[in-house]
C-alpha atoms as a PDB file:
ATOM      1  CA  MET A   1     205.346 174.927 134.855  1.00  0.00           C
ATOM      2  CA  ILE A   2     206.042 178.448 136.074  1.00  0.00           C
ATOM      3  CA  LYS A   3     204.540 177.629 139.452  1.00  0.00           C
ATOM      4  CA  LEU A   4     206.753 174.552 139.674  1.00  0.00           C
ATOM      5  CA  LEU A   5     209.847 176.622 138.888  1.00  0.00           C
ATOM      6  CA  ARG A   6     208.857 179.165 141.541  1.00  0.00           C
ATOM      7  CA  ASP A   7     208.286 176.367 144.067  1.00  0.00           C
ATOM      8  CA  LEU A   8     211.785 175.082 143.262  1.00  0.00           C
ATOM      9  CA  GLY A   9     213.176 178.520 144.057  1.00  0.00           C
ATOM     10  CA  VAL A  10     213.994 179.622 140.515  1.00  0.00           C
ATOM     11  CA  THR A  11     213.675 183.396 140.211  1.00  0.00           C
ATOM     12  CA  SER A  12     213.515 185.563 137.119  1.00  0.00           C
ATOM     13  CA  ASP A  13     217.084 186.689 137.780  1.00  0.00           C
ATOM     14  CA  VAL A  14     218.280 183.081 137.676  1.00  0.00           C
ATOM     15  CA  ALA A  15     216.476 182.497 134.376  1.00  0.00           C
ATOM     16  CA  TYR A  16     217.955 185.672 132.869  1.00  0.00           C
ATOM     17  CA  LEU A  17     221.444 184.655 133.996  1.00  0.00           C
ATOM     18  CA  ALA A  18     220.931 181.212 132.476  1.00  0.00           C
ATOM     19  CA  GLY A  19     219.978 182.919 129.201  1.00  0.00           C
ATOM     20  CA  LEU A  20     223.145 185.001 129.239  1.00  0.00           C
ATOM     21  CA  ALA A  21     225.225 181.960 130.165  1.00  0.00           C
ATOM     22  CA  SER A  22     223.753 180.012 127.264  1.00  0.00           C
ATOM     23  CA  ILE A  23     224.930 182.715 124.862  1.00  0.00           C
ATOM     24  CA  GLY A  24     228.469 182.265 126.194  1.00  0.00           C
ATOM     25  CA  ALA A  25     228.076 178.495 126.060  1.00  0.00           C
ATOM     26  CA  SER A  26     226.955 178.770 122.444  1.00  0.00           C
ATOM     27  CA  ILE A  27     230.103 180.664 121.500  1.00  0.00           C
ATOM     28  CA  ALA A  28     232.246 178.222 123.485  1.00  0.00           C
ATOM     29  CA  ALA A  29     230.581 175.170 121.888  1.00  0.00           C
ATOM     30  CA  TRP A  30     231.073 176.614 118.420  1.00  0.00           C
ATOM     31  CA  THR A  31     234.719 177.510 119.088  1.00  0.00           C
ATOM     32  CA  ILE A  32     235.631 174.193 120.714  1.00  0.00           C
ATOM     33  CA  SER A  33     233.831 172.156 118.063  1.00  0.00           C
ATOM     34  CA  ARG A  34     235.483 174.137 115.293  1.00  0.00           C
ATOM     35  CA  ASN A  35     238.998 173.839 116.732  1.00  0.00           C
ATOM     36  CA  LYS A  36     239.028 170.359 118.293  1.00  0.00           C
ATOM     37  CA  GLU A  37     236.924 168.139 116.042  1.00  0.00           C
ATOM     38  CA  ASP A  38     238.076 166.754 112.749  1.00  0.00           C
ATOM     39  CA  ALA A  39     234.724 167.432 111.097  1.00  0.00           C
ATOM     40  CA  PRO A  40     233.302 169.851 108.567  1.00  0.00           C
ATOM     41  CA  GLY A  41     232.553 173.410 109.691  1.00  0.00           C
ATOM     42  CA  GLU A  42     228.835 172.818 109.459  1.00  0.00           C
ATOM     43  CA  LYS A  43     228.976 170.559 112.525  1.00  0.00           C
ATOM     44  CA  ALA A  44     230.504 173.340 114.615  1.00  0.00           C
ATOM     45  CA  ASP A  45     227.836 175.722 113.352  1.00  0.00           C
ATOM     46  CA  ARG A  46     225.095 173.291 114.338  1.00  0.00           C
ATOM     47  CA  TRP A  47     226.486 172.919 117.872  1.00  0.00           C
ATOM     48  CA  GLY A  48     226.599 176.687 118.300  1.00  0.00           C
ATOM     49  CA  ILE A  49     223.069 177.132 116.973  1.00  0.00           C
ATOM     50  CA  PHE A  50     221.704 174.261 119.095  1.00  0.00           C
ATOM     51  CA  VAL A  51     223.068 175.717 122.318  1.00  0.00           C
ATOM     52  CA  GLY A  52     222.184 179.250 121.200  1.00  0.00           C
ATOM     53  CA  LEU A  53     218.515 178.303 120.974  1.00  0.00           C
ATOM     54  CA  TRP A  54     218.435 177.893 124.742  1.00  0.00           C
ATOM     55  CA  ALA A  55     218.850 181.649 125.331  1.00  0.00           C
ATOM     56  CA  PRO A  56     215.383 182.718 124.104  1.00  0.00           C
ATOM     57  CA  THR A  57     213.797 179.919 126.121  1.00  0.00           C
ATOM     58  CA  TRP A  58     215.480 181.059 129.330  1.00  0.00           C
ATOM     59  CA  MET A  59     214.641 184.701 128.623  1.00  0.00           C
ATOM     60  CA  ALA A  60     210.966 183.810 128.045  1.00  0.00           C
ATOM     61  CA  LEU A  61     210.917 181.824 131.282  1.00  0.00           C
ATOM     62  CA  GLY A  62     212.499 184.819 133.020  1.00  0.00           C
ATOM     63  CA  ASN A  63     209.710 187.062 131.735  1.00  0.00           C
ATOM     64  CA  ALA A  64     207.041 184.616 132.876  1.00  0.00           C
ATOM     65  CA  LEU A  65     208.670 184.322 136.294  1.00  0.00           C
ATOM     66  CA  LYS A  66     208.878 188.129 136.544  1.00  0.00           C
ATOM     67  CA  VAL A  67     205.131 188.374 135.936  1.00  0.00           C
ATOM     68  CA  GLU A  68     204.533 185.678 138.557  1.00  0.00           C
ATOM     69  CA  GLU A  69     206.759 187.531 141.040  1.00  0.00           C
ATOM     70  CA  GLY A  70     204.692 190.682 140.513  1.00  0.00           C
ATOM     71  CA  ARG A  71     201.552 188.812 141.565  1.00  0.00           C
ATOM     72  CA  ARG A  72     202.969 187.904 144.952  1.00  0.00           C
END
């Protein structure tokens, strides 16, 4: 998978930026869901947590891509 990402031109910097962006998206999803939906607060919390789980994935991919970049 890492080789495929590298072949597609994804660098570790892109993965790290995606991780940081997902943290912002998590806060935005939580805020928008909490303010705009007529639903219990737990739903807003779940949206924020769901999107927030993307950050560690992107950071891990960034680390793997960084190792791959060091090999080249």
